[in-house]
Amino acid sequence: MRSLRVMLIVAAVAGLLCAGQAVLASNCTLTYANFGQAFLGKYCNTCHASTLSGGQRRGAPAGLDFDTPELAAKHAVGIMTRTAVKKNMPPAWAAPQPTDDERTKVQTWVSCEYPR
């Protein structure tokens, strides 16, 4: 059951990336510098920063960090999957929450800057 769910998520992400590349290829204006860094700083790096440890991470796994361009690139598809596809990050208890428009922009940013 779990493997089927994983396969469906992978297929959905792959489909979004392929569709996104076709639609967005000529309209790729979002980058880490002009969007991703601020988004991650506002919604993710309060838990997912390499400078945090233990309880400061509020449950974020050690090593799952997004506070540099290299780390954001390494985890880009996962960031997109959790924020724009599954919409389960940030967790429901976290405030503030991204708007639907911001979640769509994450998909656009990742699809453009980190094409697969």
Protein backbone atom coordinates (compact mmCIF):
# COMPACT_ATOMS: atom_id res chain seq x y z
CA MET A 1 0.00 0.00 0.00
CA ARG A 2 2.77 2.41 0.96
CA SER A 3 4.77 1.62 -2.19
CA LEU A 4 1.70 2.27 -4.34
CA ARG A 5 1.23 5.65 -2.64
CA VAL A 6 4.91 6.49 -3.20
CA MET A 7 4.65 5.50 -6.87
CA LEU A 8 1.56 7.69 -7.30
CA ILE A 9 3.30 10.66 -5.69
CA VAL A 10 6.38 10.17 -7.88
CA ALA A 11 4.17 9.96 -10.97
CA ALA A 12 2.29 13.10 -9.94
CA VAL A 13 5.52 15.03 -9.36
CA ALA A 14 6.98 13.80 -12.65
CA GLY A 15 3.80 14.84 -14.44
CA LEU A 16 3.88 18.27 -12.81
CA LEU A 17 7.51 18.72 -13.74
CA CYS A 18 6.94 17.67 -17.35
CA ALA A 19 3.80 19.76 -17.71
CA GLY A 20 5.43 22.61 -15.88
CA GLN A 21 8.46 22.56 -18.14
CA ALA A 22 6.34 22.68 -21.28
CA VAL A 23 4.14 25.50 -20.00
CA LEU A 24 6.72 27.44 -18.05
CA ALA A 25 9.81 27.11 -20.21
CA SER A 26 9.28 30.54 -21.73
CA ASN A 27 7.97 32.07 -18.49
CA CYS A 28 10.62 31.08 -15.95
CA THR A 29 11.16 34.14 -13.84
CA LEU A 30 11.19 32.64 -10.34
CA THR A 31 14.59 31.72 -8.93
CA TYR A 32 16.11 30.86 -5.57
CA ALA A 33 17.39 34.45 -5.38
CA ASN A 34 14.11 36.22 -6.13
CA PHE A 35 11.61 33.77 -4.63
CA GLY A 36 12.92 30.54 -3.10
CA GLN A 37 15.21 32.06 -0.49
CA ALA A 38 12.48 34.29 0.97
CA PHE A 39 9.84 31.54 0.80
CA LEU A 40 12.09 29.01 2.54
CA GLY A 41 13.15 31.61 5.10
CA LYS A 42 9.55 32.46 5.95
CA TYR A 43 7.99 28.99 5.96
CA CYS A 44 10.69 26.31 6.21
CA ASN A 45 13.96 27.37 7.78
CA THR A 46 12.52 27.91 11.25
CA CYS A 47 12.83 24.10 11.45
CA HIS A 48 14.88 23.09 8.38
CA ALA A 49 18.10 25.08 8.93
CA SER A 50 21.59 23.66 9.27
CA THR A 51 22.18 25.96 12.26
CA LEU A 52 19.44 24.28 14.32
CA SER A 53 19.71 21.13 16.40
CA GLY A 54 17.62 18.99 18.71
CA GLY A 55 14.36 20.55 19.88
CA GLN A 56 15.05 23.72 17.90
CA ARG A 57 14.19 21.71 14.78
CA ARG A 58 10.66 20.99 16.08
CA GLY A 59 10.65 17.50 14.59
CA ALA A 60 12.46 18.22 11.31
CA PRO A 61 14.92 15.39 10.59
CA ALA A 62 18.58 16.26 11.07
CA GLY A 63 20.21 16.93 7.72
CA LEU A 64 16.97 17.91 5.98
CA ASP A 65 17.99 21.56 5.61
CA PHE A 66 17.08 24.22 3.05
CA ASP A 67 19.02 27.29 4.19
CA THR A 68 21.57 27.49 1.37
CA PRO A 69 21.12 27.46 -2.41
CA GLU A 70 22.90 24.09 -2.58
CA LEU A 71 20.67 22.51 0.06
CA ALA A 72 17.53 23.94 -1.57
CA ALA A 73 18.64 22.44 -4.89
CA LYS A 74 19.35 19.06 -3.27
CA HIS A 75 15.84 18.90 -1.78
CA ALA A 76 13.93 20.88 -4.45
CA VAL A 77 11.63 18.09 -5.63
CA GLY A 78 10.81 17.13 -2.04
CA ILE A 79 10.11 20.75 -1.16
CA MET A 80 7.75 21.02 -4.12
CA THR A 81 6.07 17.71 -3.35
CA ARG A 82 5.40 18.54 0.29
CA THR A 83 4.39 22.20 -0.19
CA ALA A 84 2.66 22.29 -3.59
CA VAL A 85 1.44 18.73 -4.28
CA LYS A 86 0.65 17.14 -0.92
CA LYS A 87 0.30 20.52 0.84
CA ASN A 88 1.35 19.03 4.16
CA MET A 89 4.30 21.33 4.77
CA PRO A 90 4.61 23.44 6.70
CA PRO A 91 2.73 21.31 9.22
CA ALA A 92 -0.80 22.42 10.09
CA TRP A 93 0.32 23.68 13.52
CA ALA A 94 2.90 26.05 12.03
CA ALA A 95 2.12 29.69 11.42
CA PRO A 96 2.12 31.40 9.08
CA GLN A 97 0.96 29.11 6.28
CA PRO A 98 1.71 29.75 2.59
CA THR A 99 -1.14 30.93 0.40
CA ASP A 100 -2.30 28.79 -2.52
CA ASP A 101 -0.59 31.31 -4.83
CA GLU A 102 2.71 30.88 -2.98
CA ARG A 103 2.39 27.09 -3.18
CA THR A 104 1.83 27.37 -6.94
CA LYS A 105 4.91 29.59 -7.18
CA VAL A 106 6.97 26.88 -5.44
CA GLN A 107 5.95 24.48 -8.20
CA THR A 108 6.87 27.04 -10.86
CA TRP A 109 10.20 27.88 -9.21
CA VAL A 110 11.27 24.24 -8.80
CA SER A 111 10.11 23.26 -12.29
CA CYS A 112 12.05 26.13 -13.84
CA GLU A 113 15.22 26.25 -11.78
CA TYR A 114 15.70 22.53 -11.18
CA PRO A 115 14.30 20.75 -14.27
CA ARG A 116 14.62 16.98 -14.27
